[in-house]
């Protein structure tokens, strides 16, 4: 069965448009399960704590789960008014990506987070489009006791 993302009506697998509302936004049960799992990970990622130190005194690390990475390009936010606004927004997105990657591993926190700003203004493409700075965050995902 397929489910309509607009009206939630169930349709047969051969349907290309919803038989109830006529919209073509159908998702299979498997697709709905994947979407629901993704939404649950997104919700969990909101509670992942982030520390720049390796051994924060406020948590007790039970298990190290692996390295996680978050990045974003400042250029993606070109419409914002100032360079500082673009950079700030790119940092927020990189942090959200880092926390999401940690949630995928089942982490409660990320420790030892480092920040890097990659500026590729030396390339000819970057000169045409302006700076294509990327914000990158790297840390270790951990499970707390």
Protein backbone atom coordinates (compact mmCIF):
# COMPACT_ATOMS: atom_id res chain seq x y z
CA UNK A 1 0.00 0.00 0.00
CA UNK A 2 1.02 3.60 -0.58
CA UNK A 3 0.04 6.50 1.66
CA UNK A 4 -0.67 10.02 0.45
CA UNK A 5 1.57 12.59 2.15
CA UNK A 6 -1.13 15.24 1.69
CA UNK A 7 -4.31 13.57 2.97
CA UNK A 8 -2.93 10.32 4.51
CA UNK A 9 -5.32 8.15 2.46
CA UNK A 10 -4.16 4.63 1.63
CA UNK A 11 -3.83 3.77 -2.06
CA UNK A 12 -2.97 0.57 -3.91
CA UNK A 13 0.67 0.04 -4.93
CA UNK A 14 -0.01 0.72 -8.60
CA UNK A 15 -1.52 4.19 -7.95
CA UNK A 16 0.44 7.14 -9.36
CA UNK A 17 -1.86 9.75 -7.80
CA UNK A 18 -3.95 9.64 -4.65
CA UNK A 19 -7.38 8.18 -5.31
CA UNK A 20 -8.83 10.42 -2.56
CA UNK A 21 -7.35 13.89 -3.19
CA UNK A 22 -5.67 13.48 -6.60
CA UNK A 23 -2.22 14.57 -5.42
CA UNK A 24 0.82 12.66 -6.67
CA UNK A 25 2.71 12.70 -3.38
CA UNK A 26 2.50 8.99 -2.50
CA UNK A 27 4.89 7.14 -0.20
CA UNK A 28 5.14 3.38 0.31
CA UNK A 29 4.94 1.90 3.81
CA UNK A 30 8.70 1.29 3.64
CA UNK A 31 9.24 4.93 2.70
CA UNK A 32 7.06 6.05 5.60
CA UNK A 33 9.10 3.93 8.01
CA UNK A 34 12.33 5.50 6.74
CA UNK A 35 10.82 8.99 7.02
CA UNK A 36 9.61 8.29 10.57
CA UNK A 37 13.03 6.94 11.60
CA UNK A 38 14.66 10.06 10.14
CA UNK A 39 12.28 12.31 12.10
CA UNK A 40 13.05 10.38 15.31
CA UNK A 41 16.80 10.83 14.72
CA UNK A 42 16.26 14.53 14.10
CA UNK A 43 14.37 14.82 17.39
CA UNK A 44 17.11 12.89 19.25
CA UNK A 45 19.80 15.06 17.69
CA UNK A 46 18.24 18.12 19.38
CA UNK A 47 19.24 16.72 22.79
CA UNK A 48 22.84 15.74 21.91
CA UNK A 49 25.22 17.77 24.07
CA UNK A 50 28.35 19.26 22.50
CA UNK A 51 31.63 19.97 24.29
CA UNK A 52 34.92 21.41 23.04
CA UNK A 53 36.83 19.64 25.83
CA UNK A 54 37.67 15.93 25.67
CA UNK A 55 36.68 15.09 29.27
CA UNK A 56 33.86 17.39 30.41
CA UNK A 57 33.40 17.37 34.18
CA UNK A 58 29.61 17.46 33.84
CA UNK A 59 29.27 14.06 32.14
CA UNK A 60 30.64 10.55 32.59
CA UNK A 61 31.56 8.85 29.32
CA UNK A 62 30.52 5.20 29.22
CA UNK A 63 31.52 4.47 25.62
CA UNK A 64 33.21 6.20 22.69
CA UNK A 65 31.23 5.56 19.51
CA UNK A 66 33.38 7.15 16.83
CA UNK A 67 34.25 10.35 15.02
CA UNK A 68 31.44 12.57 13.74
CA UNK A 69 31.64 15.42 11.29
CA UNK A 70 29.38 18.36 10.47
CA UNK A 71 29.84 20.91 7.71
CA UNK A 72 28.07 23.65 5.85
CA UNK A 73 28.96 26.25 3.25
CA UNK A 74 28.61 29.94 3.94
CA UNK A 75 27.73 30.34 0.27
CA UNK A 76 24.47 28.42 0.84
CA UNK A 77 23.20 31.49 2.74
CA UNK A 78 24.21 34.10 0.18
CA UNK A 79 20.91 36.02 0.49
CA UNK A 80 21.58 36.99 4.11
CA UNK A 81 22.67 40.56 4.61
CA UNK A 82 26.16 40.34 6.06
CA UNK A 83 29.13 38.02 5.97
CA UNK A 84 28.79 37.56 9.74
CA UNK A 85 25.15 36.45 9.32
CA UNK A 86 26.11 33.97 6.61
CA UNK A 87 28.96 32.57 8.68
CA UNK A 88 26.80 32.30 11.79
CA UNK A 89 24.07 30.45 9.90
CA UNK A 90 26.61 28.10 8.29
CA UNK A 91 27.98 27.32 11.77
CA UNK A 92 24.45 26.53 13.06
CA UNK A 93 23.85 24.11 10.18
CA UNK A 94 27.25 22.45 10.63
CA UNK A 95 26.46 21.98 14.33
CA UNK A 96 23.05 20.47 13.50
CA UNK A 97 24.73 18.09 11.03
CA UNK A 98 27.30 17.07 13.67
CA UNK A 99 24.56 16.36 16.22
CA UNK A 100 22.52 14.38 13.67
CA UNK A 101 25.54 12.21 12.81
CA UNK A 102 26.05 11.60 16.54
CA UNK A 103 22.37 10.63 16.95
CA UNK A 104 22.76 8.08 14.14
CA UNK A 105 25.47 6.39 16.24
CA UNK A 106 23.26 6.48 19.34
CA UNK A 107 25.33 9.14 21.10
CA UNK A 108 24.25 11.35 23.97
CA UNK A 109 27.09 13.83 23.48
CA UNK A 110 30.00 14.87 21.28
CA UNK A 111 33.29 15.70 23.00
CA UNK A 112 36.49 17.32 21.79
CA UNK A 113 34.74 19.31 19.07
CA UNK A 114 37.09 21.34 16.90
CA UNK A 115 36.13 24.08 14.46
CA UNK A 116 37.69 24.84 11.11
CA UNK A 117 36.92 27.38 8.44
CA UNK A 118 38.01 26.38 4.95
CA UNK A 119 38.36 29.34 2.61
CA UNK A 120 38.65 28.44 -1.07
CA UNK A 121 38.80 31.94 -2.52
CA UNK A 122 41.89 30.98 -4.48
CA UNK A 123 39.96 28.89 -7.03
CA UNK A 124 38.62 30.46 -10.23
CA UNK A 125 35.09 29.24 -9.48
CA UNK A 126 35.23 30.83 -6.04
CA UNK A 127 36.42 34.11 -7.54
CA UNK A 128 33.37 34.17 -9.83
CA UNK A 129 30.91 33.31 -7.06
CA UNK A 130 32.66 35.11 -4.24
CA UNK A 131 34.07 33.30 -1.23
CA UNK A 132 32.97 29.70 -0.78
CA UNK A 133 34.00 29.31 2.84
CA UNK A 134 32.94 26.11 4.54
CA UNK A 135 32.44 25.63 8.26
CA UNK A 136 33.61 22.22 9.50
CA UNK A 137 33.18 20.63 12.93
CA UNK A 138 34.76 17.38 14.09
CA UNK A 139 34.35 15.53 17.38
CA UNK A 140 33.98 12.17 19.11
CA UNK A 141 30.48 10.81 19.67
CA UNK A 142 30.03 9.27 23.13
CA UNK A 143 27.38 7.49 25.15
CA UNK A 144 27.03 8.72 28.73
CA UNK A 145 26.42 6.65 31.87
